[in-house]
Protein backbone atom coordinates (compact mmCIF):
# COMPACT_ATOMS: atom_id res chain seq x y z
CA MET A 1 11.87 -15.02 -3.08
CA ILE A 2 9.16 -14.56 -0.84
CA SER A 3 6.66 -11.55 -0.77
CA ALA A 4 4.35 -13.05 1.93
CA ALA A 5 0.52 -12.44 1.73
CA ASP A 6 0.50 -12.81 5.48
CA ALA A 7 2.94 -11.94 7.69
CA ASN A 8 2.73 -14.45 10.22
CA GLY A 9 3.38 -18.50 10.12
CA TRP A 10 6.82 -18.95 8.29
CA ASP A 11 9.12 -19.52 11.01
CA THR A 12 9.14 -23.50 10.35
CA VAL A 13 9.16 -23.25 6.40
CA LEU A 14 12.09 -20.81 6.50
CA ALA A 15 14.14 -22.73 9.57
CA ASN A 16 13.24 -25.87 6.86
CA ALA A 17 14.79 -23.77 3.91
CA ARG A 18 18.26 -22.82 5.79
CA ARG A 19 18.88 -25.87 6.58
CA ALA A 20 18.24 -27.35 3.05
CA GLY A 21 21.11 -24.62 1.98
CA ILE A 22 18.26 -22.61 0.43
CA LYS A 23 18.74 -18.56 0.15
CA VAL A 24 15.78 -16.74 0.94
CA PHE A 25 15.08 -13.25 -0.38
CA LEU A 26 12.23 -11.47 1.25
CA PHE A 27 10.27 -9.08 -1.42
CA ASP A 28 8.10 -6.22 -0.96
CA ARG A 29 7.08 -7.25 2.47
CA MET A 30 8.83 -8.34 5.95
CA ILE A 31 7.41 -11.19 7.46
CA ASN A 32 7.68 -11.70 11.63
CA THR A 33 10.69 -14.09 11.45
CA SER A 34 14.24 -13.92 13.02
CA GLU A 35 16.61 -12.24 10.37
CA THR A 36 18.90 -15.76 10.13
CA ASN A 37 16.23 -17.02 8.18
CA PHE A 38 16.68 -14.95 5.13
CA GLU A 39 19.47 -13.33 3.28
CA ALA A 40 18.05 -10.28 3.09
CA ALA A 41 14.55 -8.26 2.37
CA VAL A 42 14.14 -5.84 0.04
CA ILE A 43 10.87 -4.06 0.80
CA SER A 44 8.63 -1.22 0.93
CA ASP A 45 7.65 1.18 3.94
CA MET A 46 4.38 0.31 4.26
CA ARG A 47 3.94 2.70 7.05
CA ASN A 48 5.50 5.37 5.57
CA GLN A 49 2.83 4.53 2.66
CA GLY A 50 0.32 5.37 5.29
CA LEU A 51 1.95 7.79 6.88
CA ASN A 52 2.41 9.98 3.57
CA ALA A 53 -1.04 9.53 2.36
CA VAL A 54 -2.64 10.90 5.63
CA SER A 55 0.19 14.15 5.12
CA TRP A 56 -1.23 14.73 1.99
CA LEU A 57 -5.02 14.76 3.48
CA GLU A 58 -3.49 16.82 6.11
CA GLN A 59 -1.94 19.42 3.82
CA GLN A 60 -5.49 19.40 1.48
CA ASN A 61 -7.28 20.95 4.80
CA ARG A 62 -10.29 20.48 3.11
CA PRO A 63 -13.45 22.33 4.69
CA GLY A 64 -15.79 20.17 7.04
CA GLY A 65 -13.11 17.68 7.53
CA TYR A 66 -13.19 13.79 6.11
CA ARG A 67 -15.54 11.10 6.66
CA PHE A 68 -13.95 8.32 5.44
CA ILE A 69 -14.90 4.65 3.92
CA HIS A 70 -11.71 3.02 4.58
CA ILE A 71 -11.35 -0.40 2.49
CA GLN A 72 -8.26 -2.71 3.57
CA GLY A 73 -6.47 -5.33 1.79
CA GLN A 74 -5.93 -9.04 3.36
CA VAL A 75 -6.12 -8.15 7.21
CA GLY A 76 -2.77 -9.17 8.72
CA SER A 77 -0.62 -8.49 6.03
CA ALA A 78 2.55 -5.68 5.70
CA ALA A 79 0.67 -3.54 3.32
CA GLN A 80 -2.64 -3.82 5.60
CA ILE A 81 -0.88 -2.89 8.57
CA GLY A 82 0.82 -0.07 7.49
CA ARG A 83 -1.48 1.66 5.28
CA THR A 84 -4.21 1.21 8.23
CA GLU A 85 -2.56 2.20 11.07
CA PRO A 86 -1.76 6.13 10.20
CA LEU A 87 -4.84 6.48 9.10
CA ASN A 88 -6.55 5.10 12.66
CA GLU A 89 -4.09 7.40 14.64
CA ALA A 90 -4.98 10.49 12.45
CA ILE A 91 -9.02 9.78 12.68
CA ALA A 92 -8.01 9.54 16.71
CA ARG A 93 -5.70 12.91 16.43
CA HIS A 94 -8.20 15.04 14.16
CA ALA A 95 -11.84 16.57 15.55
CA ASN A 96 -13.34 16.38 12.22
CA TRP A 97 -12.13 13.48 10.73
CA SER A 98 -13.85 10.17 11.32
CA LEU A 99 -14.45 6.47 10.05
CA VAL A 100 -18.10 6.03 8.39
CA ARG A 101 -17.50 2.55 7.02
CA ARG A 102 -14.44 -0.09 6.81
CA GLY A 103 -14.38 -3.53 5.04
CA THR A 104 -12.09 -5.44 3.40
CA GLY A 105 -11.23 -6.90 -0.02
CA GLY A 106 -10.17 -10.31 1.23
CA ASP A 107 -7.11 -12.03 0.70
CA THR A 108 -7.70 -11.21 -3.14
CA TRP A 109 -7.82 -7.17 -2.21
CA SER A 110 -11.22 -7.75 -4.36
CA PRO A 111 -12.44 -4.88 -6.56
CA ASP A 112 -15.94 -6.77 -6.44
CA GLU A 113 -15.80 -6.44 -3.02
CA ALA A 114 -14.37 -3.15 -2.85
CA LYS A 115 -17.53 -2.04 -4.95
CA ARG A 116 -19.84 -3.96 -2.57
CA ILE A 117 -18.80 -1.97 0.65
CA VAL A 118 -19.26 1.22 -1.50
CA GLU A 119 -22.93 0.21 -2.83
CA ALA A 120 -23.51 -0.95 1.08
CA ALA A 121 -23.05 2.49 2.19
CA ILE A 122 -24.64 4.08 0.00
CA ALA A 123 -27.66 1.87 0.49
CA ALA A 124 -27.78 3.14 4.20
CA ARG A 125 -27.18 6.79 3.32
CA GLU A 126 -23.97 7.03 5.13
CA ASN A 127 -22.28 10.64 4.57
CA PHE A 128 -19.05 10.02 3.05
CA ASN A 129 -16.57 12.19 1.41
CA VAL A 130 -13.67 9.94 1.06
CA ILE A 131 -12.46 6.71 -0.11
CA TYR A 132 -9.41 5.40 1.50
CA ALA A 133 -8.73 2.10 -0.77
CA GLU A 134 -5.58 0.18 0.57
CA ASN A 135 -4.85 -0.91 -3.48
CA ASP A 136 -5.70 0.37 -6.81
CA GLY A 137 -7.86 -2.29 -7.84
CA MET A 138 -9.87 -1.85 -5.05
CA ALA A 139 -10.17 1.81 -5.39
CA GLU A 140 -11.57 1.18 -8.74
CA GLY A 141 -13.89 -1.17 -7.32
CA ALA A 142 -15.30 1.40 -5.23
CA MET A 143 -15.23 4.17 -8.19
CA ARG A 144 -17.71 1.83 -9.88
CA ALA A 145 -20.20 2.16 -7.31
CA LEU A 146 -19.86 5.76 -7.34
CA GLN A 147 -20.60 5.77 -10.93
CA GLU A 148 -23.74 3.58 -10.79
CA ALA A 149 -24.94 5.55 -8.26
CA GLY A 150 -24.38 8.92 -9.88
CA ILE A 151 -22.38 10.41 -7.04
CA SER A 152 -19.70 12.43 -8.27
CA HIS A 153 -15.66 11.82 -7.51
CA GLY A 154 -12.18 13.05 -7.73
CA VAL A 155 -11.06 16.52 -8.27
CA ASN A 156 -14.48 18.37 -8.61
CA GLY A 157 -16.33 15.96 -7.00
CA ASP A 158 -18.62 15.13 -3.70
CA VAL A 159 -16.08 11.96 -3.08
CA TRP A 160 -12.20 11.93 -3.20
CA ILE A 161 -10.23 8.63 -4.28
CA MET A 162 -7.07 7.65 -2.70
CA GLY A 163 -5.45 4.46 -4.17
CA PHE A 164 -2.20 2.88 -3.43
CA ASP A 165 0.49 1.25 -5.78
CA PHE A 166 1.15 3.08 -8.64
CA ASN A 167 -0.66 0.86 -11.33
CA ARG A 168 -0.82 3.03 -14.75
CA PHE A 169 -4.30 2.68 -15.01
CA ALA A 170 -4.63 4.07 -11.47
CA LEU A 171 -2.17 7.16 -12.33
CA ARG A 172 -4.21 7.65 -15.41
CA TYR A 173 -7.57 8.22 -13.10
CA VAL A 174 -5.21 10.63 -11.07
CA MET A 175 -4.05 12.55 -14.14
CA ARG A 176 -7.57 12.68 -15.22
CA GLY A 177 -8.94 13.88 -11.95
CA GLU A 178 -11.12 11.42 -11.27
CA TRP A 179 -8.92 9.88 -8.52
CA ASN A 180 -7.49 12.69 -6.37
CA PHE A 181 -4.19 10.79 -4.78
CA ASN A 182 -2.01 7.53 -5.36
CA GLY A 183 0.92 6.19 -3.14
CA GLN A 184 3.84 4.11 -4.24
CA CYS A 185 4.25 0.69 -3.43
CA SER A 186 8.38 0.97 -4.94
CA PRO A 187 8.39 -0.77 -8.38
CA PHE A 188 12.24 -0.85 -8.40
CA GLN A 189 12.96 -3.78 -6.06
CA ALA A 190 13.16 -6.58 -8.53
CA ASP A 191 16.67 -4.91 -9.72
CA LYS A 192 18.04 -4.89 -6.24
CA ILE A 193 16.99 -8.47 -5.56
CA HIS A 194 18.73 -9.33 -9.12
CA GLU A 195 21.88 -7.72 -7.76
CA PHE A 196 21.60 -9.90 -5.13
CA ILE A 197 21.24 -13.19 -6.64
CA GLN A 198 24.20 -12.33 -8.94
CA ALA A 199 26.54 -11.90 -6.34
CA LEU A 200 25.75 -15.20 -4.33
CA GLU A 201 26.30 -16.85 -7.65
CA ALA A 202 29.61 -15.32 -8.00
CA GLY A 203 30.30 -15.86 -4.56
CA ARG A 204 30.84 -12.17 -3.41
CA PRO A 205 29.19 -10.33 -0.37
CA LEU A 206 25.94 -8.94 -0.41
CA ASN A 207 26.95 -5.63 0.37
CA ILE A 208 23.44 -4.71 2.33
CA PRO A 209 23.79 -0.92 3.35
CA ALA A 210 23.98 -0.48 6.93
CA SER A 211 20.80 -0.27 8.64
CA ARG A 212 18.68 -0.99 11.36
CA TRP A 213 14.68 -1.91 10.84
CA THR A 214 12.60 -2.21 13.64
CA ASP A 215 9.10 -4.39 12.82
CA PHE A 216 6.74 -6.77 14.94
CA GLY A 217 9.12 -5.90 17.93
CA ARG A 218 12.40 -7.10 16.25
CA THR A 219 15.34 -5.44 14.75
CA PHE A 220 16.85 -6.45 11.41
CA ASN A 221 19.85 -5.74 9.98
CA ASN A 222 19.87 -7.21 6.82
CA VAL A 223 17.04 -4.81 5.27
CA VAL A 224 16.90 -2.57 2.22
CA ILE A 225 14.03 -0.32 2.19
CA ASN A 226 13.19 1.54 -1.00
CA PRO A 227 11.70 5.38 -0.91
CA GLU A 228 8.27 5.78 -1.42
CA ILE A 229 6.98 8.83 -3.29
CA ILE A 230 3.00 9.96 -3.63
CA THR A 231 1.49 11.67 -6.72
CA ASP A 232 -2.08 13.52 -6.77
CA SER A 233 -4.11 15.54 -9.54
CA ARG A 234 -2.57 18.80 -9.32
CA THR A 235 1.21 16.94 -9.92
CA ILE A 236 1.17 13.99 -12.03
CA THR A 237 2.34 14.34 -15.72
CA GLN A 238 2.60 11.81 -18.48
CA ALA A 239 6.14 11.76 -17.72
CA PHE A 240 5.85 10.68 -14.21
CA ILE A 241 3.10 7.74 -15.33
CA ASP A 242 6.05 6.62 -17.81
CA GLN A 243 8.73 6.52 -15.22
CA TYR A 244 6.87 5.10 -12.12
CA GLY A 245 3.77 3.39 -13.59
CA LEU A 246 3.56 -0.51 -13.43
CA GLY A 247 1.74 -2.45 -15.76
CA ASP A 248 0.07 -1.75 -18.88
């Protein structure tokens, strides 16, 4: 299985694996290669995650609009691209949405790097009211910067916090009202991969549902897309966390 941090540069490795008779599955993230280089991809719809987040913001219709600190993950990864592009499009579309500062947690999606981005914005006295962090760890790092500066956040705060991935620690922040939003990166892909591996070992076909997925200017027919959901501080429950949360 491959869950690639970077979407590009895999052609040679995958072609060599195919020639050696190694069956490859893509997990969580799509990569930019021919569909002949892997058996199947079981992936998250990263762009839909970004679209869900933007749609949620549009529904809140916060008076005065949104002024974002945008903290990206590893630039060039499928998750970063999918969660970034809808936000860029929405900022261009809405007159009262603006980008105050953008930074990245780097290759490790670092909470410490995220914290430094927010600290720099605070030191520069920049006027922001939303932190859009592309994973939960970076959202938590950003929150720490707000806490140390005495800036209120969450449901009753000056700054809204948005994260992605459905880690249980993040969902608990949402339930307590310390964060406003969390977007899922589907945790149910392993079951499907396991099913495919069992089918290969038994000599059965994979029975991939008929689909056509377009990414990187290519069309793929061997892709399974998991549905993505969101939650916010108004709707989340402990039962929801128990069912969908990841980690501790």
